[in-house]
Amino acid sequence: MSLRSDDHSENSAHLTHLDDHGNIHMVDVTGRPETVREAIAHGRVRMQPTTLTLIERNQIAKGSVLEVAKIAGIMAAKQTPQIIPLCHPLPMTHIDLQFTIDSKAGLIFIEGRTRTHYKTGVDVEALTAVTIAALTIYDMCKGVDTTITLEQAYIAEKSGGKNGTVKFQPD
């Protein structure tokens, strides 16, 4: 399959998953140096405050929501190359998720951190961890709350490699 474009502007030159002929390929990282690479992803889940109370009191019938979501996020980060076609398999050296509850706003904030010592970054793995943790929260609580939404997953920071440390803020 070829995704060719007649537009050869600077933007199209930066699509690293396309070769010079517009064909999809996995980026060759053979010549890149191995460095410590880290990423932090943020996301949030919105729900009824009463649902958050049930989570905090461990009264959701399916079990400890945040513990299960943390395990699901860690497992998902390790499986990222199996679900995102052009991701490199990486030797993950660290994966962690933290949850912060804002009961009044009905929000669970999720922070996912990933780290490796390799030739390419771990940002997609951090995003995968956060979004699968959010999806797990939804799955475990959907029986008591039909208003749950998954919101605003993004990379907050990444470091290592040629660009050094880069921080992001959502619009």
N, C-alpha and C. Protein backbone atom coordinates (compact mmCIF):
# COMPACT_ATOMS: atom_id res chain seq x y z
N MET A 1 0.84 -1.17 0.00
CA MET A 1 0.00 0.00 0.00
C MET A 1 0.88 1.23 0.00
N SER A 2 0.59 2.17 -0.83
CA SER A 2 1.35 3.40 -0.92
C SER A 2 0.45 4.59 -0.63
N LEU A 3 0.92 5.49 0.22
CA LEU A 3 0.17 6.71 0.53
C LEU A 3 0.95 7.87 -0.07
N ARG A 4 0.86 8.06 -1.36
CA ARG A 4 1.61 9.10 -2.03
C ARG A 4 0.84 10.40 -2.03
N SER A 5 1.60 11.45 -2.05
CA SER A 5 1.02 12.78 -2.10
C SER A 5 1.80 13.61 -3.09
N ASP A 6 1.10 14.44 -3.84
CA ASP A 6 1.78 15.34 -4.75
C ASP A 6 2.35 16.54 -4.03
N ASP A 7 2.00 16.70 -2.77
CA ASP A 7 2.50 17.81 -1.96
C ASP A 7 3.83 17.39 -1.34
N HIS A 8 4.91 17.97 -1.79
CA HIS A 8 6.23 17.63 -1.27
C HIS A 8 6.77 18.74 -0.38
N SER A 9 5.88 19.36 0.40
CA SER A 9 6.27 20.42 1.31
C SER A 9 7.08 19.86 2.46
N GLU A 10 7.60 20.75 3.31
CA GLU A 10 8.38 20.31 4.46
C GLU A 10 7.61 19.38 5.36
N ASN A 11 6.30 19.60 5.51
CA ASN A 11 5.51 18.75 6.41
C ASN A 11 5.51 17.30 5.95
N SER A 12 5.36 17.05 4.66
CA SER A 12 5.32 15.67 4.19
C SER A 12 6.68 15.00 4.34
N ALA A 13 7.78 15.79 4.35
CA ALA A 13 9.12 15.23 4.52
C ALA A 13 9.34 14.71 5.93
N HIS A 14 8.54 15.13 6.88
CA HIS A 14 8.73 14.73 8.27
C HIS A 14 7.89 13.52 8.68
N LEU A 15 7.19 12.93 7.77
CA LEU A 15 6.41 11.73 8.09
C LEU A 15 7.36 10.54 8.07
N THR A 16 7.85 10.18 9.22
CA THR A 16 8.92 9.19 9.30
C THR A 16 8.48 7.77 8.96
N HIS A 17 7.20 7.50 8.93
CA HIS A 17 6.75 6.16 8.59
C HIS A 17 6.46 6.01 7.10
N LEU A 18 6.89 6.99 6.31
CA LEU A 18 6.81 6.89 4.85
C LEU A 18 8.21 6.98 4.28
N ASP A 19 8.52 6.10 3.30
CA ASP A 19 9.84 6.18 2.68
C ASP A 19 9.83 7.25 1.59
N ASP A 20 10.92 7.37 0.85
CA ASP A 20 11.05 8.40 -0.18
C ASP A 20 10.02 8.27 -1.30
N HIS A 21 9.42 7.10 -1.41
CA HIS A 21 8.42 6.85 -2.47
C HIS A 21 6.99 6.89 -1.94
N GLY A 22 6.83 7.24 -0.67
CA GLY A 22 5.49 7.32 -0.09
C GLY A 22 4.96 6.00 0.43
N ASN A 23 5.82 4.99 0.53
CA ASN A 23 5.40 3.68 1.03
C ASN A 23 5.56 3.61 2.54
N ILE A 24 4.61 2.97 3.18
CA ILE A 24 4.66 2.78 4.63
C ILE A 24 5.80 1.84 4.98
N HIS A 25 6.56 2.19 6.02
CA HIS A 25 7.61 1.30 6.51
C HIS A 25 7.86 1.59 7.98
N MET A 26 8.50 0.63 8.63
CA MET A 26 8.92 0.82 10.01
C MET A 26 10.24 1.58 9.97
N VAL A 27 10.37 2.62 10.78
CA VAL A 27 11.57 3.45 10.79
C VAL A 27 12.78 2.60 11.18
N ASP A 28 13.86 2.75 10.44
CA ASP A 28 15.09 2.02 10.73
C ASP A 28 15.89 2.80 11.78
N VAL A 29 16.00 2.23 12.97
CA VAL A 29 16.72 2.89 14.06
C VAL A 29 18.10 2.27 14.29
N THR A 30 18.56 1.46 13.37
CA THR A 30 19.82 0.73 13.54
C THR A 30 20.97 1.64 13.91
N GLY A 31 21.11 2.77 13.24
CA GLY A 31 22.25 3.65 13.47
C GLY A 31 22.11 4.61 14.63
N ARG A 32 20.98 4.63 15.27
CA ARG A 32 20.78 5.57 16.38
C ARG A 32 21.49 5.08 17.64
N PRO A 33 21.98 6.02 18.45
CA PRO A 33 22.59 5.60 19.71
C PRO A 33 21.52 5.22 20.74
N GLU A 34 21.88 4.31 21.61
CA GLU A 34 20.99 3.98 22.71
C GLU A 34 21.15 5.03 23.80
N THR A 35 20.03 5.58 24.25
CA THR A 35 20.02 6.55 25.34
C THR A 35 18.87 6.23 26.26
N VAL A 36 18.89 6.79 27.45
CA VAL A 36 17.75 6.65 28.35
C VAL A 36 16.65 7.53 27.78
N ARG A 37 15.49 6.95 27.56
CA ARG A 37 14.35 7.67 27.00
C ARG A 37 13.18 7.49 27.95
N GLU A 38 12.52 8.60 28.23
CA GLU A 38 11.40 8.58 29.16
C GLU A 38 10.22 9.34 28.56
N ALA A 39 9.03 8.97 28.99
CA ALA A 39 7.83 9.69 28.57
C ALA A 39 6.84 9.71 29.72
N ILE A 40 6.09 10.81 29.78
CA ILE A 40 5.01 10.95 30.75
C ILE A 40 3.76 11.29 29.96
N ALA A 41 2.72 10.49 30.14
CA ALA A 41 1.44 10.74 29.49
C ALA A 41 0.41 11.06 30.56
N HIS A 42 -0.53 11.91 30.21
CA HIS A 42 -1.64 12.25 31.11
C HIS A 42 -2.95 11.92 30.42
N GLY A 43 -3.93 11.62 31.22
CA GLY A 43 -5.28 11.39 30.74
C GLY A 43 -6.24 11.54 31.90
N ARG A 44 -7.51 11.54 31.59
CA ARG A 44 -8.48 11.63 32.69
C ARG A 44 -9.76 10.92 32.31
N VAL A 45 -10.47 10.52 33.35
CA VAL A 45 -11.75 9.86 33.20
C VAL A 45 -12.76 10.66 34.02
N ARG A 46 -13.86 11.03 33.37
CA ARG A 46 -14.91 11.81 34.04
C ARG A 46 -16.09 10.89 34.34
N MET A 47 -16.67 11.05 35.53
CA MET A 47 -17.81 10.23 35.94
C MET A 47 -18.61 10.96 37.01
N GLN A 48 -19.68 10.34 37.43
CA GLN A 48 -20.49 10.90 38.51
C GLN A 48 -19.70 10.84 39.82
N PRO A 49 -19.78 11.88 40.63
CA PRO A 49 -19.08 11.85 41.93
C PRO A 49 -19.46 10.64 42.78
N THR A 50 -20.68 10.18 42.67
CA THR A 50 -21.09 8.99 43.45
C THR A 50 -20.31 7.75 43.01
N THR A 51 -19.96 7.67 41.73
CA THR A 51 -19.17 6.55 41.24
C THR A 51 -17.76 6.62 41.83
N LEU A 52 -17.22 7.82 41.90
CA LEU A 52 -15.90 7.99 42.52
C LEU A 52 -15.91 7.57 43.98
N THR A 53 -16.97 7.86 44.66
CA THR A 53 -17.10 7.44 46.06
C THR A 53 -17.06 5.92 46.16
N LEU A 54 -17.76 5.24 45.25
CA LEU A 54 -17.73 3.78 45.23
C LEU A 54 -16.33 3.25 44.97
N ILE A 55 -15.60 3.91 44.06
CA ILE A 55 -14.22 3.50 43.76
C ILE A 55 -13.35 3.69 45.00
N GLU A 56 -13.45 4.85 45.63
CA GLU A 56 -12.64 5.14 46.81
C GLU A 56 -12.92 4.18 47.97
N ARG A 57 -14.16 3.75 48.09
CA ARG A 57 -14.55 2.83 49.17
C ARG A 57 -14.38 1.36 48.77
N ASN A 58 -13.85 1.14 47.56
CA ASN A 58 -13.67 -0.22 47.02
C ASN A 58 -14.98 -0.99 47.01
N GLN A 59 -16.06 -0.34 46.55
CA GLN A 59 -17.38 -0.95 46.53
C GLN A 59 -17.88 -1.24 45.10
N ILE A 60 -16.99 -1.23 44.13
CA ILE A 60 -17.37 -1.64 42.77
C ILE A 60 -17.32 -3.17 42.74
N ALA A 61 -18.38 -3.78 42.26
CA ALA A 61 -18.52 -5.24 42.31
C ALA A 61 -17.37 -5.99 41.63
N LYS A 62 -16.77 -5.41 40.60
CA LYS A 62 -15.72 -6.10 39.86
C LYS A 62 -14.37 -6.09 40.58
N GLY A 63 -14.24 -5.32 41.66
CA GLY A 63 -12.98 -5.32 42.41
C GLY A 63 -12.37 -3.95 42.56
N SER A 64 -11.11 -3.92 42.93
CA SER A 64 -10.38 -2.68 43.16
C SER A 64 -10.06 -2.02 41.81
N VAL A 65 -10.83 -1.01 41.48
CA VAL A 65 -10.77 -0.41 40.15
C VAL A 65 -9.38 0.12 39.82
N LEU A 66 -8.79 0.89 40.69
CA LEU A 66 -7.52 1.52 40.36
C LEU A 66 -6.36 0.52 40.34
N GLU A 67 -6.42 -0.51 41.17
CA GLU A 67 -5.39 -1.54 41.12
C GLU A 67 -5.46 -2.31 39.81
N VAL A 68 -6.66 -2.68 39.40
CA VAL A 68 -6.83 -3.41 38.14
C VAL A 68 -6.43 -2.52 36.96
N ALA A 69 -6.81 -1.23 37.01
CA ALA A 69 -6.46 -0.30 35.93
C ALA A 69 -4.95 -0.12 35.83
N LYS A 70 -4.27 -0.09 36.96
CA LYS A 70 -2.81 0.04 36.95
C LYS A 70 -2.16 -1.17 36.30
N ILE A 71 -2.60 -2.35 36.67
CA ILE A 71 -2.05 -3.58 36.08
C ILE A 71 -2.35 -3.62 34.58
N ALA A 72 -3.57 -3.25 34.20
CA ALA A 72 -3.94 -3.25 32.78
C ALA A 72 -3.07 -2.28 31.99
N GLY A 73 -2.82 -1.09 32.55
CA GLY A 73 -1.98 -0.11 31.87
C GLY A 73 -0.55 -0.59 31.70
N ILE A 74 0.00 -1.20 32.73
CA ILE A 74 1.36 -1.74 32.64
C ILE A 74 1.43 -2.84 31.59
N MET A 75 0.47 -3.75 31.63
CA MET A 75 0.45 -4.84 30.64
C MET A 75 0.31 -4.28 29.22
N ALA A 76 -0.53 -3.28 29.05
CA ALA A 76 -0.75 -2.71 27.73
C ALA A 76 0.51 -2.04 27.19
N ALA A 77 1.21 -1.30 28.04
CA ALA A 77 2.45 -0.64 27.60
C ALA A 77 3.44 -1.67 27.06
N LYS A 78 3.52 -2.82 27.72
CA LYS A 78 4.45 -3.87 27.28
C LYS A 78 4.01 -4.50 25.97
N GLN A 79 2.73 -4.40 25.64
CA GLN A 79 2.20 -5.02 24.42
C GLN A 79 2.00 -4.02 23.27
N THR A 80 2.45 -2.80 23.43
CA THR A 80 2.20 -1.76 22.42
C THR A 80 2.57 -2.20 21.00
N PRO A 81 3.72 -2.83 20.74
CA PRO A 81 4.04 -3.21 19.36
C PRO A 81 3.06 -4.23 18.76
N GLN A 82 2.33 -4.94 19.60
CA GLN A 82 1.36 -5.90 19.07
C GLN A 82 0.06 -5.21 18.65
N ILE A 83 -0.19 -3.99 19.13
CA ILE A 83 -1.45 -3.33 18.78
C ILE A 83 -1.27 -2.06 17.95
N ILE A 84 -0.07 -1.49 17.92
CA ILE A 84 0.24 -0.34 17.07
C ILE A 84 1.24 -0.84 16.03
N PRO A 85 0.81 -0.98 14.79
CA PRO A 85 1.58 -1.73 13.78
C PRO A 85 3.03 -1.32 13.56
N LEU A 86 3.38 -0.05 13.60
CA LEU A 86 4.74 0.36 13.24
C LEU A 86 5.62 0.69 14.44
N CYS A 87 5.16 0.35 15.65
CA CYS A 87 5.97 0.57 16.84
C CYS A 87 7.04 -0.50 16.96
N HIS A 88 8.19 -0.07 17.44
CA HIS A 88 9.28 -1.01 17.68
C HIS A 88 9.05 -1.74 19.00
N PRO A 89 9.41 -3.02 19.06
CA PRO A 89 9.40 -3.69 20.36
C PRO A 89 10.56 -3.12 21.19
N LEU A 90 10.27 -2.73 22.42
CA LEU A 90 11.27 -2.05 23.23
C LEU A 90 11.56 -2.82 24.52
N PRO A 91 12.80 -2.76 24.98
CA PRO A 91 13.11 -3.33 26.30
C PRO A 91 12.70 -2.32 27.37
N MET A 92 11.48 -2.43 27.84
CA MET A 92 10.97 -1.49 28.84
C MET A 92 11.71 -1.70 30.16
N THR A 93 12.22 -0.61 30.73
CA THR A 93 12.91 -0.71 32.00
C THR A 93 12.08 -0.18 33.16
N HIS A 94 11.00 0.58 32.84
CA HIS A 94 10.13 1.09 33.90
C HIS A 94 8.78 1.47 33.31
N ILE A 95 7.73 1.09 34.01
CA ILE A 95 6.36 1.50 33.67
C ILE A 95 5.65 1.73 34.99
N ASP A 96 4.99 2.89 35.12
CA ASP A 96 4.24 3.15 36.33
C ASP A 96 3.03 4.01 36.00
N LEU A 97 1.97 3.81 36.73
CA LEU A 97 0.77 4.64 36.61
C LEU A 97 0.37 5.13 37.99
N GLN A 98 -0.06 6.38 38.05
CA GLN A 98 -0.55 6.97 39.28
C GLN A 98 -1.91 7.60 39.00
N PHE A 99 -2.78 7.54 39.99
CA PHE A 99 -4.14 8.08 39.86
C PHE A 99 -4.37 9.14 40.93
N THR A 100 -4.99 10.23 40.53
CA THR A 100 -5.38 11.28 41.46
C THR A 100 -6.87 11.52 41.27
N ILE A 101 -7.60 11.51 42.37
CA ILE A 101 -9.06 11.66 42.32
C ILE A 101 -9.45 13.07 42.73
N ASP A 102 -10.31 13.67 41.91
CA ASP A 102 -10.93 14.96 42.24
C ASP A 102 -12.42 14.67 42.39
N SER A 103 -12.83 14.39 43.63
CA SER A 103 -14.20 13.96 43.90
C SER A 103 -15.24 14.99 43.49
N LYS A 104 -14.97 16.26 43.76
CA LYS A 104 -15.95 17.30 43.43
C LYS A 104 -16.18 17.43 41.93
N ALA A 105 -15.11 17.32 41.15
CA ALA A 105 -15.23 17.45 39.70
C ALA A 105 -15.62 16.13 39.03
N GLY A 106 -15.57 15.04 39.78
CA GLY A 106 -15.89 13.74 39.19
C GLY A 106 -14.82 13.26 38.22
N LEU A 107 -13.56 13.48 38.58
CA LEU A 107 -12.45 13.15 37.68
C LEU A 107 -11.43 12.23 38.34
N ILE A 108 -10.91 11.33 37.53
CA ILE A 108 -9.71 10.58 37.90
C ILE A 108 -8.64 11.01 36.90
N PHE A 109 -7.56 11.59 37.41
CA PHE A 109 -6.42 11.95 36.59
C PHE A 109 -5.46 10.78 36.57
N ILE A 110 -4.96 10.46 35.39
CA ILE A 110 -4.04 9.34 35.24
C ILE A 110 -2.71 9.86 34.71
N GLU A 111 -1.63 9.45 35.36
CA GLU A 111 -0.30 9.76 34.85
C GLU A 111 0.43 8.45 34.61
N GLY A 112 0.93 8.28 33.40
CA GLY A 112 1.70 7.10 33.06
C GLY A 112 3.13 7.48 32.73
N ARG A 113 4.08 6.75 33.29
CA ARG A 113 5.50 7.00 33.05
C ARG A 113 6.14 5.74 32.49
N THR A 114 6.93 5.93 31.44
CA THR A 114 7.63 4.80 30.83
C THR A 114 9.10 5.17 30.65
N ARG A 115 9.96 4.15 30.65
CA ARG A 115 11.39 4.39 30.48
C ARG A 115 12.02 3.19 29.79
N THR A 116 13.04 3.49 29.00
CA THR A 116 13.85 2.46 28.37
C THR A 116 15.25 2.99 28.16
N HIS A 117 16.15 2.12 27.85
CA HIS A 117 17.49 2.49 27.39
C HIS A 117 17.59 1.86 26.01
N TYR A 118 17.24 2.67 25.01
CA TYR A 118 17.15 2.10 23.66
C TYR A 118 17.32 3.20 22.62
N LYS A 119 17.04 2.85 21.36
CA LYS A 119 17.26 3.73 20.21
C LYS A 119 16.05 4.55 19.79
N THR A 120 14.92 4.32 20.41
CA THR A 120 13.70 5.05 20.07
C THR A 120 12.86 5.25 21.33
N GLY A 121 11.97 6.21 21.29
CA GLY A 121 11.25 6.65 22.48
C GLY A 121 10.13 5.74 22.93
N VAL A 122 9.59 6.08 24.10
CA VAL A 122 8.55 5.28 24.75
C VAL A 122 7.26 6.08 24.92
N ASP A 123 7.04 7.10 24.07
CA ASP A 123 5.86 7.94 24.21
C ASP A 123 4.58 7.20 23.86
N VAL A 124 4.60 6.38 22.83
CA VAL A 124 3.39 5.63 22.47
C VAL A 124 3.06 4.62 23.56
N GLU A 125 4.07 4.06 24.18
CA GLU A 125 3.85 3.13 25.28
C GLU A 125 3.21 3.83 26.48
N ALA A 126 3.65 5.05 26.78
CA ALA A 126 3.05 5.81 27.88
C ALA A 126 1.59 6.13 27.58
N LEU A 127 1.32 6.54 26.34
CA LEU A 127 -0.07 6.82 25.95
C LEU A 127 -0.93 5.57 25.98
N THR A 128 -0.37 4.46 25.56
CA THR A 128 -1.09 3.19 25.60
C THR A 128 -1.43 2.83 27.04
N ALA A 129 -0.48 2.99 27.95
CA ALA A 129 -0.72 2.68 29.36
C ALA A 129 -1.87 3.52 29.91
N VAL A 130 -1.84 4.82 29.64
CA VAL A 130 -2.86 5.72 30.17
C VAL A 130 -4.23 5.42 29.57
N THR A 131 -4.30 5.23 28.27
CA THR A 131 -5.61 5.02 27.65
C THR A 131 -6.21 3.66 28.02
N ILE A 132 -5.39 2.64 28.14
CA ILE A 132 -5.92 1.34 28.55
C ILE A 132 -6.31 1.35 30.02
N ALA A 133 -5.58 2.07 30.86
CA ALA A 133 -6.00 2.23 32.26
C ALA A 133 -7.35 2.94 32.32
N ALA A 134 -7.52 3.99 31.51
CA ALA A 134 -8.80 4.71 31.47
C ALA A 134 -9.92 3.80 30.97
N LEU A 135 -9.64 3.04 29.95
CA LEU A 135 -10.65 2.11 29.40
C LEU A 135 -11.01 1.04 30.44
N THR A 136 -10.04 0.61 31.21
CA THR A 136 -10.31 -0.37 32.27
C THR A 136 -11.20 0.22 33.35
N ILE A 137 -10.95 1.47 33.72
CA ILE A 137 -11.83 2.14 34.69
C ILE A 137 -13.25 2.18 34.14
N TYR A 138 -13.39 2.56 32.88
CA TYR A 138 -14.72 2.57 32.25
C TYR A 138 -15.36 1.19 32.34
N ASP A 139 -14.63 0.17 31.93
CA ASP A 139 -15.18 -1.18 31.90
C ASP A 139 -15.63 -1.66 33.28
N MET A 140 -14.85 -1.33 34.28
CA MET A 140 -15.17 -1.80 35.62
C MET A 140 -16.34 -1.05 36.25
N CYS A 141 -16.60 0.16 35.77
CA CYS A 141 -17.62 1.01 36.41
C CYS A 141 -18.85 1.26 35.54
N LYS A 142 -18.85 0.79 34.30
CA LYS A 142 -19.96 1.10 33.39
C LYS A 142 -21.30 0.56 33.88
N GLY A 143 -21.30 -0.45 34.72
CA GLY A 143 -22.54 -1.01 35.25
C GLY A 143 -23.24 -0.10 36.25
N VAL A 144 -22.49 0.83 36.84
CA VAL A 144 -23.09 1.75 37.81
C VAL A 144 -23.15 3.19 37.31
N ASP A 145 -22.51 3.46 36.17
CA ASP A 145 -22.47 4.85 35.67
C ASP A 145 -22.38 4.84 34.15
N THR A 146 -23.45 5.30 33.52
CA THR A 146 -23.48 5.34 32.05
C THR A 146 -22.95 6.66 31.48
N THR A 147 -22.47 7.54 32.35
CA THR A 147 -22.00 8.85 31.88
C THR A 147 -20.48 8.94 31.79
N ILE A 148 -19.77 7.87 32.04
CA ILE A 148 -18.30 7.91 32.06
C ILE A 148 -17.75 8.28 30.70
N THR A 149 -16.79 9.22 30.71
CA THR A 149 -16.09 9.59 29.47
C THR A 149 -14.58 9.53 29.70
N LEU A 150 -13.87 9.15 28.65
CA LEU A 150 -12.41 9.16 28.65
C LEU A 150 -12.00 10.45 27.97
N GLU A 151 -11.12 11.21 28.62
CA GLU A 151 -10.81 12.55 28.13
C GLU A 151 -9.32 12.84 28.08
N GLN A 152 -8.93 13.61 27.11
CA GLN A 152 -7.68 14.35 27.06
C GLN A 152 -6.42 13.54 27.34
N ALA A 153 -6.22 12.46 26.62
CA ALA A 153 -4.96 11.73 26.74
C ALA A 153 -3.91 12.41 25.86
N TYR A 154 -2.73 12.67 26.44
CA TYR A 154 -1.67 13.34 25.69
C TYR A 154 -0.31 13.07 26.34
N ILE A 155 0.74 13.30 25.56
CA ILE A 155 2.09 13.22 26.10
C ILE A 155 2.41 14.55 26.77
N ALA A 156 2.73 14.51 28.05
CA ALA A 156 3.06 15.73 28.79
C ALA A 156 4.55 16.05 28.68
N GLU A 157 5.36 15.01 28.58
CA GLU A 157 6.80 15.22 28.52
C GLU A 157 7.47 13.99 27.95
N LYS A 158 8.54 14.21 27.20
CA LYS A 158 9.38 13.09 26.79
C LYS A 158 10.82 13.57 26.74
N SER A 159 11.73 12.64 26.98
CA SER A 159 13.15 13.01 27.01
C SER A 159 13.99 11.87 26.47
N GLY A 160 15.22 12.22 26.12
CA GLY A 160 16.15 11.28 25.53
C GLY A 160 16.18 11.46 24.02
N GLY A 161 17.16 10.90 23.39
CA GLY A 161 17.24 11.02 21.95
C GLY A 161 17.72 12.39 21.50
N LYS A 162 17.58 12.67 20.21
CA LYS A 162 18.16 13.89 19.63
C LYS A 162 17.46 15.17 20.06
N ASN A 163 16.21 15.12 20.49
CA ASN A 163 15.47 16.33 20.85
C ASN A 163 15.58 16.71 22.32
N GLY A 164 16.25 15.91 23.13
CA GLY A 164 16.36 16.23 24.55
C GLY A 164 15.00 16.13 25.24
N THR A 165 14.75 17.05 26.16
CA THR A 165 13.48 17.05 26.88
C THR A 165 12.49 17.99 26.20
N VAL A 166 11.30 17.47 25.94
CA VAL A 166 10.23 18.25 25.31
C VAL A 166 9.01 18.14 26.19
N LYS A 167 8.41 19.29 26.51
CA LYS A 167 7.19 19.32 27.33
C LYS A 167 6.04 19.81 26.49
N PHE A 168 4.85 19.26 26.77
CA PHE A 168 3.65 19.60 26.01
C PHE A 168 2.53 20.02 26.95
N GLN A 169 1.67 20.86 26.49
CA GLN A 169 0.44 21.23 27.20
C GLN A 169 -0.70 21.13 26.21
N PRO A 170 -1.82 20.53 26.60
CA PRO A 170 -2.95 20.46 25.68
C PRO A 170 -3.57 21.86 25.50
N ASP A 171 -4.24 22.02 24.40
CA ASP A 171 -4.93 23.30 24.13
C ASP A 171 -6.14 23.47 25.01
